[in-house]
Amino acid sequence: MNTSHIYLTGPDGSGKSTLLEAIKNELKKRGIETTTVWLRSPKILAKPLMAYCRLKGYTKYFMKEGVKYGYHDFSSSKAVSYLFPFLQYIDFRIALLLRKQSQGIILYDRFALDTLADLMVSTRRLDLHKTWIGKRFLHLIPSSTMVFIIMVDELVIRQRKLDTLYDPNLALKVEVYRILANDLNIKMLDNNGDFLSTFKDLINYTLK
């Protein structure tokens, strides 16, 4: 292998966790130790602001067919849409410092790019990755990391993952990952079809 970090990202329901688990099992067969990292949108210093957003109605919840949905609409407040990404970055750095030391190949399930994508959706700032604070999130990804965005069509995601069925932001989430793939020149893998084919493509790219 020519990397010590593999990062699969993409919208919820794209199958990245399943693919990452398959890579982990393949590495185990080869006697290679791995550590899986799941770190997404930690709330530490941002907690008071989150409470304020709930009070003001910038964070919304609703029930549909027995499933609870929640989403943020920070774009309703310019101050919140600029302050929240800054606090989220600080919280992310704190969470990184509190993590135990990783061993072997590091497999990122949720990480900085996922948090950045969440922020782009919640603030509707689709150029956030080009700003100073957006670039700080990108710098958190080790330079040796092989990053892949796993993409699935919106309709397929809603069929595969029932808790996304009435997610009002799903279309925007899918679009945000396409924007990131295009602007950051990240390899995008289509996972609309056969899982095994996508896995074989990943193996060819990562485990040579």
N, C-alpha and C. Protein backbone atom coordinates (compact mmCIF):
# COMPACT_ATOMS: atom_id res chain seq x y z
N MET A 1 0.84 -1.20 0.00
CA MET A 1 0.00 0.00 0.00
C MET A 1 0.88 1.25 0.00
N ASN A 2 0.36 2.30 -0.62
CA ASN A 2 1.11 3.55 -0.68
C ASN A 2 0.47 4.65 0.16
N THR A 3 -0.38 4.27 1.11
CA THR A 3 -1.02 5.25 1.98
C THR A 3 -1.25 4.65 3.35
N SER A 4 -1.36 5.51 4.35
CA SER A 4 -1.68 5.05 5.71
C SER A 4 -3.02 5.61 6.17
N HIS A 5 -3.73 6.31 5.26
CA HIS A 5 -5.03 6.88 5.58
C HIS A 5 -5.98 6.68 4.40
N ILE A 6 -7.17 6.16 4.69
CA ILE A 6 -8.21 6.02 3.68
C ILE A 6 -9.47 6.68 4.22
N TYR A 7 -10.06 7.57 3.44
CA TYR A 7 -11.21 8.34 3.88
C TYR A 7 -12.33 8.20 2.85
N LEU A 8 -13.44 7.58 3.25
CA LEU A 8 -14.63 7.50 2.41
C LEU A 8 -15.67 8.48 2.95
N THR A 9 -16.11 9.37 2.10
CA THR A 9 -17.10 10.35 2.51
C THR A 9 -18.21 10.41 1.48
N GLY A 10 -19.28 11.12 1.79
CA GLY A 10 -20.42 11.20 0.90
C GLY A 10 -21.69 11.35 1.70
N PRO A 11 -22.81 11.57 1.03
CA PRO A 11 -24.08 11.75 1.75
C PRO A 11 -24.48 10.51 2.54
N ASP A 12 -25.23 10.71 3.61
CA ASP A 12 -25.74 9.58 4.38
C ASP A 12 -26.56 8.68 3.46
N GLY A 13 -26.33 7.36 3.60
CA GLY A 13 -27.05 6.42 2.78
C GLY A 13 -26.34 6.05 1.50
N SER A 14 -25.14 6.58 1.30
CA SER A 14 -24.39 6.28 0.07
C SER A 14 -23.67 4.94 0.14
N GLY A 15 -23.57 4.37 1.33
CA GLY A 15 -22.94 3.07 1.49
C GLY A 15 -21.48 3.12 1.90
N LYS A 16 -21.01 4.29 2.32
CA LYS A 16 -19.58 4.43 2.64
C LYS A 16 -19.18 3.62 3.87
N SER A 17 -20.03 3.54 4.88
CA SER A 17 -19.68 2.77 6.07
C SER A 17 -19.56 1.28 5.75
N THR A 18 -20.46 0.78 4.92
CA THR A 18 -20.42 -0.63 4.51
C THR A 18 -19.16 -0.91 3.71
N LEU A 19 -18.81 0.00 2.80
CA LEU A 19 -17.60 -0.16 2.00
C LEU A 19 -16.35 -0.11 2.86
N LEU A 20 -16.35 0.80 3.84
CA LEU A 20 -15.19 0.93 4.71
C LEU A 20 -15.01 -0.32 5.57
N GLU A 21 -16.11 -0.89 6.03
CA GLU A 21 -16.04 -2.13 6.81
C GLU A 21 -15.48 -3.27 5.96
N ALA A 22 -15.85 -3.29 4.67
CA ALA A 22 -15.34 -4.32 3.77
C ALA A 22 -13.83 -4.15 3.56
N ILE A 23 -13.38 -2.90 3.44
CA ILE A 23 -11.94 -2.65 3.32
C ILE A 23 -11.22 -3.08 4.59
N LYS A 24 -11.81 -2.77 5.73
CA LYS A 24 -11.22 -3.16 7.01
C LYS A 24 -11.05 -4.67 7.09
N ASN A 25 -12.07 -5.41 6.67
CA ASN A 25 -12.00 -6.87 6.70
C ASN A 25 -10.93 -7.40 5.75
N GLU A 26 -10.81 -6.76 4.59
CA GLU A 26 -9.80 -7.17 3.62
C GLU A 26 -8.39 -6.93 4.17
N LEU A 27 -8.19 -5.81 4.84
CA LEU A 27 -6.89 -5.52 5.44
C LEU A 27 -6.58 -6.50 6.57
N LYS A 28 -7.60 -6.87 7.33
CA LYS A 28 -7.41 -7.83 8.41
C LYS A 28 -6.94 -9.17 7.85
N LYS A 29 -7.52 -9.58 6.71
CA LYS A 29 -7.10 -10.83 6.07
C LYS A 29 -5.63 -10.78 5.68
N ARG A 30 -5.16 -9.57 5.38
CA ARG A 30 -3.76 -9.41 4.96
C ARG A 30 -2.84 -9.16 6.16
N GLY A 31 -3.42 -9.24 7.36
CA GLY A 31 -2.61 -9.05 8.56
C GLY A 31 -2.26 -7.61 8.86
N ILE A 32 -3.05 -6.68 8.34
CA ILE A 32 -2.78 -5.25 8.54
C ILE A 32 -3.73 -4.68 9.58
N GLU A 33 -3.17 -4.06 10.61
CA GLU A 33 -3.97 -3.47 11.67
C GLU A 33 -4.59 -2.17 11.20
N THR A 34 -5.82 -1.89 11.67
CA THR A 34 -6.51 -0.66 11.28
C THR A 34 -7.14 0.01 12.50
N THR A 35 -7.38 1.31 12.36
CA THR A 35 -8.16 2.07 13.32
C THR A 35 -9.23 2.83 12.56
N THR A 36 -10.49 2.67 12.96
CA THR A 36 -11.57 3.39 12.30
C THR A 36 -11.87 4.68 13.08
N VAL A 37 -11.91 5.79 12.37
CA VAL A 37 -12.19 7.09 12.99
C VAL A 37 -13.59 7.54 12.59
N TRP A 38 -14.41 7.83 13.58
CA TRP A 38 -15.75 8.38 13.36
C TRP A 38 -15.81 9.69 14.16
N LEU A 39 -15.70 10.80 13.47
CA LEU A 39 -15.71 12.10 14.14
C LEU A 39 -16.45 13.08 13.25
N ARG A 40 -17.62 13.48 13.70
CA ARG A 40 -18.44 14.35 12.87
C ARG A 40 -19.19 15.37 13.74
N SER A 41 -18.99 16.62 13.46
CA SER A 41 -19.75 17.72 14.06
C SER A 41 -19.87 17.63 15.58
N PRO A 42 -18.73 17.50 16.30
CA PRO A 42 -18.82 17.49 17.77
C PRO A 42 -19.31 18.83 18.29
N LYS A 43 -20.05 18.80 19.38
CA LYS A 43 -20.60 20.03 19.96
C LYS A 43 -20.04 20.20 21.37
N ILE A 44 -19.14 21.15 21.55
CA ILE A 44 -18.56 21.44 22.86
C ILE A 44 -18.80 22.93 23.16
N LEU A 45 -17.98 23.77 22.60
CA LEU A 45 -18.19 25.21 22.77
C LEU A 45 -19.43 25.70 22.02
N ALA A 46 -19.85 24.94 21.02
CA ALA A 46 -21.01 25.35 20.22
C ALA A 46 -22.35 25.04 20.89
N LYS A 47 -22.33 24.34 22.02
CA LYS A 47 -23.59 23.94 22.66
C LYS A 47 -24.51 25.11 23.00
N PRO A 48 -23.99 26.20 23.59
CA PRO A 48 -24.89 27.34 23.88
C PRO A 48 -25.52 27.91 22.62
N LEU A 49 -24.76 27.98 21.53
CA LEU A 49 -25.31 28.49 20.28
C LEU A 49 -26.38 27.54 19.74
N MET A 50 -26.17 26.23 19.90
CA MET A 50 -27.17 25.26 19.47
C MET A 50 -28.48 25.45 20.24
N ALA A 51 -28.36 25.70 21.55
CA ALA A 51 -29.55 25.94 22.36
C ALA A 51 -30.28 27.20 21.89
N TYR A 52 -29.51 28.22 21.58
CA TYR A 52 -30.08 29.47 21.07
C TYR A 52 -30.82 29.22 19.75
N CYS A 53 -30.23 28.41 18.88
CA CYS A 53 -30.84 28.12 17.58
C CYS A 53 -32.15 27.36 17.73
N ARG A 54 -32.21 26.47 18.70
CA ARG A 54 -33.45 25.76 18.95
C ARG A 54 -34.52 26.72 19.45
N LEU A 55 -34.12 27.64 20.32
CA LEU A 55 -35.05 28.62 20.86
C LEU A 55 -35.60 29.54 19.77
N LYS A 56 -34.72 29.93 18.84
CA LYS A 56 -35.12 30.87 17.78
C LYS A 56 -35.77 30.17 16.58
N GLY A 57 -35.75 28.84 16.58
CA GLY A 57 -36.38 28.11 15.48
C GLY A 57 -35.47 27.88 14.29
N TYR A 58 -34.16 28.09 14.47
CA TYR A 58 -33.21 27.81 13.38
C TYR A 58 -32.88 26.32 13.28
N THR A 59 -33.18 25.59 14.36
CA THR A 59 -33.10 24.13 14.34
C THR A 59 -34.51 23.60 14.42
N LYS A 60 -34.87 22.75 13.48
CA LYS A 60 -36.27 22.31 13.36
C LYS A 60 -36.36 20.79 13.46
N TYR A 61 -37.46 20.32 14.03
CA TYR A 61 -37.73 18.88 14.13
C TYR A 61 -39.17 18.62 13.71
N PHE A 62 -39.39 17.42 13.12
CA PHE A 62 -40.75 17.02 12.81
C PHE A 62 -40.82 15.51 12.74
N MET A 63 -42.02 14.97 12.93
CA MET A 63 -42.25 13.54 12.88
C MET A 63 -43.00 13.21 11.59
N LYS A 64 -42.58 12.14 10.94
CA LYS A 64 -43.25 11.68 9.72
C LYS A 64 -43.22 10.17 9.69
N GLU A 65 -44.39 9.56 9.73
CA GLU A 65 -44.52 8.10 9.70
C GLU A 65 -43.67 7.44 10.78
N GLY A 66 -43.68 8.03 11.96
CA GLY A 66 -42.99 7.46 13.10
C GLY A 66 -41.50 7.73 13.17
N VAL A 67 -40.96 8.47 12.22
CA VAL A 67 -39.54 8.78 12.19
C VAL A 67 -39.34 10.27 12.51
N LYS A 68 -38.41 10.56 13.41
CA LYS A 68 -38.13 11.94 13.78
C LYS A 68 -37.03 12.50 12.88
N TYR A 69 -37.31 13.62 12.27
CA TYR A 69 -36.35 14.28 11.40
C TYR A 69 -35.94 15.61 12.04
N GLY A 70 -34.67 15.95 11.85
CA GLY A 70 -34.18 17.23 12.35
C GLY A 70 -33.22 17.85 11.35
N TYR A 71 -33.25 19.16 11.27
CA TYR A 71 -32.33 19.86 10.37
C TYR A 71 -32.12 21.29 10.84
N HIS A 72 -31.02 21.88 10.39
CA HIS A 72 -30.68 23.25 10.76
C HIS A 72 -30.94 24.19 9.59
N ASP A 73 -31.40 25.38 9.93
CA ASP A 73 -31.59 26.43 8.94
C ASP A 73 -30.86 27.68 9.43
N PHE A 74 -29.53 27.56 9.53
CA PHE A 74 -28.73 28.67 10.04
C PHE A 74 -28.66 29.84 9.06
N SER A 75 -29.07 29.61 7.82
CA SER A 75 -29.05 30.69 6.83
C SER A 75 -30.05 31.78 7.18
N SER A 76 -31.00 31.48 8.09
CA SER A 76 -31.97 32.49 8.52
C SER A 76 -31.32 33.58 9.35
N SER A 77 -30.12 33.31 9.86
CA SER A 77 -29.39 34.30 10.64
C SER A 77 -27.97 34.41 10.11
N LYS A 78 -27.62 35.58 9.58
CA LYS A 78 -26.27 35.77 9.04
C LYS A 78 -25.22 35.59 10.13
N ALA A 79 -25.52 36.07 11.33
CA ALA A 79 -24.57 35.96 12.44
C ALA A 79 -24.30 34.50 12.78
N VAL A 80 -25.37 33.71 12.87
CA VAL A 80 -25.22 32.29 13.20
C VAL A 80 -24.50 31.55 12.08
N SER A 81 -24.81 31.86 10.83
CA SER A 81 -24.21 31.15 9.70
C SER A 81 -22.71 31.40 9.58
N TYR A 82 -22.23 32.50 10.22
CA TYR A 82 -20.79 32.76 10.22
C TYR A 82 -20.13 32.32 11.52
N LEU A 83 -20.86 32.42 12.64
CA LEU A 83 -20.27 32.06 13.94
C LEU A 83 -20.21 30.54 14.12
N PHE A 84 -21.24 29.83 13.69
CA PHE A 84 -21.30 28.39 13.94
C PHE A 84 -20.14 27.63 13.30
N PRO A 85 -19.78 27.88 12.04
CA PRO A 85 -18.63 27.16 11.47
C PRO A 85 -17.33 27.39 12.25
N PHE A 86 -17.15 28.61 12.78
CA PHE A 86 -15.95 28.90 13.56
C PHE A 86 -15.93 28.08 14.85
N LEU A 87 -17.05 28.07 15.57
CA LEU A 87 -17.13 27.30 16.81
C LEU A 87 -17.01 25.79 16.53
N GLN A 88 -17.61 25.37 15.41
CA GLN A 88 -17.54 23.96 15.06
C GLN A 88 -16.10 23.53 14.77
N TYR A 89 -15.33 24.41 14.16
CA TYR A 89 -13.93 24.10 13.89
C TYR A 89 -13.15 23.94 15.20
N ILE A 90 -13.36 24.85 16.15
CA ILE A 90 -12.68 24.75 17.45
C ILE A 90 -13.06 23.45 18.14
N ASP A 91 -14.35 23.12 18.12
CA ASP A 91 -14.81 21.88 18.75
C ASP A 91 -14.20 20.66 18.08
N PHE A 92 -14.04 20.70 16.78
CA PHE A 92 -13.44 19.59 16.06
C PHE A 92 -11.99 19.40 16.49
N ARG A 93 -11.27 20.52 16.62
CA ARG A 93 -9.88 20.43 17.06
C ARG A 93 -9.78 19.88 18.48
N ILE A 94 -10.69 20.29 19.34
CA ILE A 94 -10.70 19.77 20.71
C ILE A 94 -10.95 18.26 20.70
N ALA A 95 -11.94 17.84 19.92
CA ALA A 95 -12.27 16.42 19.83
C ALA A 95 -11.09 15.60 19.31
N LEU A 96 -10.33 16.17 18.38
CA LEU A 96 -9.15 15.48 17.87
C LEU A 96 -8.10 15.30 18.96
N LEU A 97 -7.92 16.32 19.77
CA LEU A 97 -6.94 16.24 20.85
C LEU A 97 -7.32 15.20 21.89
N LEU A 98 -8.61 14.97 22.08
CA LEU A 98 -9.09 14.04 23.10
C LEU A 98 -9.10 12.59 22.62
N ARG A 99 -8.90 12.39 21.31
CA ARG A 99 -8.92 11.03 20.78
C ARG A 99 -7.68 10.25 21.20
N LYS A 100 -7.88 8.92 21.32
CA LYS A 100 -6.74 8.05 21.61
C LYS A 100 -5.87 7.93 20.35
N GLN A 101 -4.61 7.59 20.56
CA GLN A 101 -3.70 7.45 19.44
C GLN A 101 -4.11 6.30 18.54
N SER A 102 -4.10 6.54 17.24
CA SER A 102 -4.52 5.53 16.27
C SER A 102 -3.38 4.55 15.97
N GLN A 103 -3.76 3.34 15.60
CA GLN A 103 -2.80 2.30 15.26
C GLN A 103 -3.02 1.81 13.83
N GLY A 104 -1.94 1.52 13.12
CA GLY A 104 -2.04 0.94 11.79
C GLY A 104 -2.62 1.89 10.76
N ILE A 105 -3.31 1.32 9.77
CA ILE A 105 -3.96 2.09 8.72
C ILE A 105 -5.18 2.79 9.32
N ILE A 106 -5.31 4.07 9.10
CA ILE A 106 -6.45 4.82 9.63
C ILE A 106 -7.55 4.88 8.57
N LEU A 107 -8.73 4.41 8.93
CA LEU A 107 -9.89 4.42 8.05
C LEU A 107 -10.88 5.46 8.57
N TYR A 108 -11.10 6.51 7.80
CA TYR A 108 -12.01 7.58 8.21
C TYR A 108 -13.41 7.29 7.68
N ASP A 109 -14.36 7.15 8.60
CA ASP A 109 -15.76 6.95 8.24
C ASP A 109 -16.46 8.32 8.18
N ARG A 110 -16.40 9.05 9.27
CA ARG A 110 -16.88 10.43 9.30
C ARG A 110 -15.71 11.28 9.78
N PHE A 111 -15.48 12.41 9.09
CA PHE A 111 -14.35 13.25 9.49
C PHE A 111 -14.58 14.68 9.01
N ALA A 112 -13.50 15.40 8.79
CA ALA A 112 -13.58 16.84 8.57
C ALA A 112 -14.42 17.23 7.35
N LEU A 113 -14.32 16.46 6.28
CA LEU A 113 -15.06 16.81 5.07
C LEU A 113 -16.56 16.64 5.28
N ASP A 114 -16.95 15.64 6.07
CA ASP A 114 -18.37 15.45 6.38
C ASP A 114 -18.91 16.62 7.20
N THR A 115 -18.10 17.07 8.16
CA THR A 115 -18.50 18.21 8.98
C THR A 115 -18.62 19.46 8.12
N LEU A 116 -17.67 19.65 7.22
CA LEU A 116 -17.71 20.80 6.33
C LEU A 116 -18.95 20.75 5.45
N ALA A 117 -19.27 19.57 4.92
CA ALA A 117 -20.46 19.41 4.09
C ALA A 117 -21.72 19.73 4.89
N ASP A 118 -21.78 19.25 6.14
CA ASP A 118 -22.92 19.57 7.00
C ASP A 118 -23.08 21.07 7.17
N LEU A 119 -21.96 21.75 7.35
CA LEU A 119 -21.99 23.21 7.54
C LEU A 119 -22.45 23.92 6.28
N MET A 120 -22.02 23.45 5.13
CA MET A 120 -22.44 24.04 3.86
C MET A 120 -23.95 23.92 3.69
N VAL A 121 -24.50 22.79 4.12
CA VAL A 121 -25.95 22.58 4.00
C VAL A 121 -26.70 23.45 5.00
N SER A 122 -26.27 23.43 6.25
CA SER A 122 -27.02 24.14 7.30
C SER A 122 -26.95 25.65 7.16
N THR A 123 -25.85 26.17 6.60
CA THR A 123 -25.71 27.62 6.43
C THR A 123 -26.10 28.08 5.03
N ARG A 124 -26.25 27.13 4.10
CA ARG A 124 -26.49 27.43 2.68
C ARG A 124 -25.34 28.23 2.08
N ARG A 125 -24.16 28.12 2.65
CA ARG A 125 -22.96 28.77 2.12
C ARG A 125 -22.22 27.74 1.26
N LEU A 126 -22.57 27.66 0.01
CA LEU A 126 -22.05 26.61 -0.86
C LEU A 126 -20.62 26.89 -1.32
N ASP A 127 -20.07 28.00 -0.92
CA ASP A 127 -18.66 28.30 -1.19
C ASP A 127 -17.83 28.25 0.08
N LEU A 128 -18.38 27.67 1.14
CA LEU A 128 -17.70 27.67 2.44
C LEU A 128 -16.33 27.01 2.37
N HIS A 129 -16.19 26.00 1.53
CA HIS A 129 -14.91 25.29 1.41
C HIS A 129 -13.81 26.18 0.81
N LYS A 130 -14.20 27.29 0.23
CA LYS A 130 -13.23 28.22 -0.36
C LYS A 130 -12.85 29.35 0.60
N THR A 131 -13.52 29.42 1.73
CA THR A 131 -13.26 30.48 2.70
C THR A 131 -12.14 30.08 3.66
N TRP A 132 -11.71 31.03 4.47
CA TRP A 132 -10.63 30.77 5.44
C TRP A 132 -11.00 29.62 6.37
N ILE A 133 -12.20 29.65 6.93
CA ILE A 133 -12.57 28.63 7.91
C ILE A 133 -12.79 27.28 7.22
N GLY A 134 -13.31 27.30 5.99
CA GLY A 134 -13.48 26.06 5.25
C GLY A 134 -12.15 25.40 4.96
N LYS A 135 -11.16 26.19 4.61
CA LYS A 135 -9.83 25.64 4.33
C LYS A 135 -9.18 25.07 5.58
N ARG A 136 -9.53 25.61 6.75
CA ARG A 136 -9.00 25.06 8.00
C ARG A 136 -9.50 23.63 8.20
N PHE A 137 -10.77 23.38 7.87
CA PHE A 137 -11.29 22.02 7.96
C PHE A 137 -10.55 21.09 7.00
N LEU A 138 -10.30 21.55 5.81
CA LEU A 138 -9.61 20.73 4.81
C LEU A 138 -8.20 20.40 5.24
N HIS A 139 -7.55 21.33 5.95
CA HIS A 139 -6.18 21.11 6.41
C HIS A 139 -6.11 20.05 7.52
N LEU A 140 -7.25 19.71 8.11
CA LEU A 140 -7.26 18.68 9.15
C LEU A 140 -7.10 17.27 8.57
N ILE A 141 -7.31 17.14 7.27
CA ILE A 141 -7.17 15.83 6.62
C ILE A 141 -5.69 15.62 6.28
N PRO A 142 -5.05 14.60 6.83
CA PRO A 142 -3.63 14.36 6.56
C PRO A 142 -3.33 14.33 5.06
N SER A 143 -2.21 14.89 4.66
CA SER A 143 -1.87 15.01 3.24
C SER A 143 -1.73 13.66 2.55
N SER A 144 -1.41 12.62 3.32
CA SER A 144 -1.22 11.28 2.72
C SER A 144 -2.54 10.52 2.56
N THR A 145 -3.66 11.15 2.87
CA THR A 145 -4.95 10.47 2.86
C THR A 145 -5.48 10.29 1.44
N MET A 146 -5.94 9.07 1.13
CA MET A 146 -6.67 8.82 -0.11
C MET A 146 -8.15 9.05 0.18
N VAL A 147 -8.72 10.08 -0.45
CA VAL A 147 -10.11 10.46 -0.19
C VAL A 147 -10.98 10.09 -1.38
N PHE A 148 -12.12 9.47 -1.09
CA PHE A 148 -13.09 9.12 -2.12
C PHE A 148 -14.47 9.59 -1.67
N ILE A 149 -15.19 10.21 -2.58
CA ILE A 149 -16.58 10.57 -2.31
C ILE A 149 -17.47 9.51 -2.95
N ILE A 150 -18.25 8.83 -2.11
CA ILE A 150 -19.15 7.78 -2.58
C ILE A 150 -20.50 8.44 -2.89
N MET A 151 -20.92 8.32 -4.13
CA MET A 151 -22.13 9.01 -4.55
C MET A 151 -23.23 8.04 -4.96
N VAL A 152 -24.45 8.39 -4.55
CA VAL A 152 -25.65 7.65 -4.91
C VAL A 152 -26.73 8.68 -5.22
N ASP A 153 -27.58 8.42 -6.18
CA ASP A 153 -28.65 9.34 -6.52
C ASP A 153 -29.60 9.53 -5.35
N GLU A 154 -30.18 10.71 -5.28
CA GLU A 154 -31.09 11.04 -4.17
C GLU A 154 -32.20 10.01 -4.01
N LEU A 155 -32.84 9.65 -5.10
CA LEU A 155 -33.97 8.70 -5.03
C LEU A 155 -33.51 7.35 -4.51
N VAL A 156 -32.34 6.91 -4.91
CA VAL A 156 -31.80 5.62 -4.45
C VAL A 156 -31.54 5.67 -2.94
N ILE A 157 -30.99 6.79 -2.47
CA ILE A 157 -30.73 6.94 -1.03
C ILE A 157 -32.04 6.84 -0.25
N ARG A 158 -33.06 7.53 -0.73
CA ARG A 158 -34.35 7.50 -0.01
C ARG A 158 -34.93 6.09 0.03
N GLN A 159 -34.67 5.30 -0.99
CA GLN A 159 -35.16 3.92 -1.02
C GLN A 159 -34.33 3.01 -0.12
N ARG A 160 -33.03 3.27 -0.05
CA ARG A 160 -32.14 2.41 0.74
C ARG A 160 -32.19 2.74 2.23
N LYS A 161 -32.28 4.01 2.56
CA LYS A 161 -32.17 4.45 3.96
C LYS A 161 -33.47 5.15 4.34
N LEU A 162 -34.32 4.44 5.06
CA LEU A 162 -35.67 4.92 5.32
C LEU A 162 -35.71 6.22 6.12
N ASP A 163 -34.70 6.45 6.98
CA ASP A 163 -34.74 7.67 7.78
C ASP A 163 -34.33 8.91 6.97
N THR A 164 -34.10 8.74 5.66
CA THR A 164 -33.87 9.89 4.78
C THR A 164 -35.08 10.16 3.88
N LEU A 165 -36.12 9.35 4.02
CA LEU A 165 -37.24 9.38 3.08
C LEU A 165 -37.85 10.77 2.94
N TYR A 166 -37.99 11.47 4.06
CA TYR A 166 -38.61 12.81 4.03
C TYR A 166 -37.63 13.90 4.47
N ASP A 167 -36.34 13.60 4.35
CA ASP A 167 -35.32 14.60 4.69
C ASP A 167 -35.40 15.76 3.69
N PRO A 168 -35.77 16.97 4.14
CA PRO A 168 -35.94 18.10 3.21
C PRO A 168 -34.62 18.61 2.63
N ASN A 169 -33.50 18.22 3.24
CA ASN A 169 -32.19 18.72 2.80
C ASN A 169 -31.40 17.70 1.99
N LEU A 170 -31.97 16.53 1.73
CA LEU A 170 -31.19 15.47 1.10
C LEU A 170 -30.67 15.87 -0.29
N ALA A 171 -31.52 16.49 -1.08
CA ALA A 171 -31.08 16.90 -2.42
C ALA A 171 -29.91 17.86 -2.34
N LEU A 172 -29.95 18.79 -1.38
CA LEU A 172 -28.86 19.74 -1.21
C LEU A 172 -27.60 19.04 -0.72
N LYS A 173 -27.74 18.04 0.16
CA LYS A 173 -26.58 17.29 0.65
C LYS A 173 -25.87 16.59 -0.50
N VAL A 174 -26.64 15.97 -1.37
CA VAL A 174 -26.04 15.29 -2.52
C VAL A 174 -25.32 16.30 -3.40
N GLU A 175 -25.95 17.45 -3.63
CA GLU A 175 -25.34 18.48 -4.46
C GLU A 175 -24.05 19.02 -3.85
N VAL A 176 -24.04 19.19 -2.53
CA VAL A 176 -22.85 19.70 -1.85
C VAL A 176 -21.65 18.76 -2.06
N TYR A 177 -21.88 17.46 -1.97
CA TYR A 177 -20.78 16.52 -2.18
C TYR A 177 -20.30 16.55 -3.63
N ARG A 178 -21.20 16.80 -4.56
CA ARG A 178 -20.78 16.94 -5.96
C ARG A 178 -19.93 18.19 -6.14
N ILE A 179 -20.31 19.25 -5.46
CA ILE A 179 -19.53 20.49 -5.51
C ILE A 179 -18.13 20.26 -4.95
N LEU A 180 -18.05 19.58 -3.81
CA LEU A 180 -16.75 19.31 -3.18
C LEU A 180 -15.88 18.42 -4.08
N ALA A 181 -16.49 17.41 -4.67
CA ALA A 181 -15.74 16.52 -5.56
C ALA A 181 -15.16 17.29 -6.73
N ASN A 182 -15.96 18.16 -7.30
CA ASN A 182 -15.53 18.93 -8.47
C ASN A 182 -14.48 19.99 -8.11
N ASP A 183 -14.76 20.77 -7.07
CA ASP A 183 -13.87 21.90 -6.73
C ASP A 183 -12.56 21.44 -6.09
N LEU A 184 -12.60 20.32 -5.37
CA LEU A 184 -11.40 19.86 -4.67
C LEU A 184 -10.70 18.72 -5.41
N ASN A 185 -11.23 18.38 -6.57
CA ASN A 185 -10.64 17.32 -7.40
C ASN A 185 -10.53 16.00 -6.63
N ILE A 186 -11.62 15.62 -5.99
CA ILE A 186 -11.68 14.37 -5.22
C ILE A 186 -12.32 13.29 -6.08
N LYS A 187 -11.73 12.10 -6.07
CA LYS A 187 -12.26 10.98 -6.84
C LYS A 187 -13.66 10.62 -6.36
N MET A 188 -14.62 10.58 -7.29
CA MET A 188 -16.00 10.25 -6.94
C MET A 188 -16.33 8.86 -7.50
N LEU A 189 -16.85 7.98 -6.65
CA LEU A 189 -17.21 6.62 -7.05
C LEU A 189 -18.72 6.45 -7.01
N ASP A 190 -19.28 5.98 -8.10
CA ASP A 190 -20.72 5.75 -8.21
C ASP A 190 -21.08 4.44 -7.52
N ASN A 191 -21.99 4.51 -6.54
CA ASN A 191 -22.42 3.31 -5.81
C ASN A 191 -23.92 3.06 -5.99
N ASN A 192 -24.45 3.49 -7.13
CA ASN A 192 -25.87 3.26 -7.40
C ASN A 192 -26.17 1.80 -7.72
N GLY A 193 -25.18 1.11 -8.23
CA GLY A 193 -25.41 -0.26 -8.69
C GLY A 193 -24.93 -1.32 -7.73
N ASP A 194 -24.17 -2.25 -8.26
CA ASP A 194 -23.71 -3.41 -7.51
C ASP A 194 -22.62 -3.04 -6.51
N PHE A 195 -22.83 -3.41 -5.24
CA PHE A 195 -21.86 -3.10 -4.18
C PHE A 195 -20.50 -3.71 -4.47
N LEU A 196 -20.48 -4.95 -4.95
CA LEU A 196 -19.22 -5.66 -5.18
C LEU A 196 -18.37 -4.93 -6.22
N SER A 197 -18.99 -4.38 -7.24
CA SER A 197 -18.24 -3.66 -8.27
C SER A 197 -17.58 -2.42 -7.68
N THR A 198 -18.33 -1.70 -6.84
CA THR A 198 -17.76 -0.50 -6.19
C THR A 198 -16.61 -0.89 -5.28
N PHE A 199 -16.79 -1.99 -4.54
CA PHE A 199 -15.74 -2.44 -3.63
C PHE A 199 -14.48 -2.83 -4.39
N LYS A 200 -14.64 -3.51 -5.52
CA LYS A 200 -13.49 -3.89 -6.33
C LYS A 200 -12.75 -2.66 -6.85
N ASP A 201 -13.51 -1.62 -7.22
CA ASP A 201 -12.88 -0.37 -7.66
C ASP A 201 -12.05 0.23 -6.53
N LEU A 202 -12.60 0.20 -5.32
CA LEU A 202 -11.86 0.75 -4.16
C LEU A 202 -10.60 -0.05 -3.88
N ILE A 203 -10.71 -1.36 -3.98
CA ILE A 203 -9.55 -2.22 -3.75
C ILE A 203 -8.44 -1.87 -4.75
N ASN A 204 -8.84 -1.68 -6.01
CA ASN A 204 -7.86 -1.35 -7.05
C ASN A 204 -7.15 -0.02 -6.77
N TYR A 205 -7.89 0.92 -6.22
CA TYR A 205 -7.32 2.24 -5.94
C TYR A 205 -6.48 2.27 -4.67
N THR A 206 -6.89 1.49 -3.65
CA THR A 206 -6.30 1.66 -2.31
C THR A 206 -5.35 0.56 -1.88
N LEU A 207 -5.57 -0.68 -2.30
CA LEU A 207 -4.83 -1.80 -1.75
C LEU A 207 -3.87 -2.43 -2.75
N LYS A 208 -3.34 -1.65 -3.63
CA LYS A 208 -2.38 -2.17 -4.61
C LYS A 208 -1.08 -2.56 -3.92
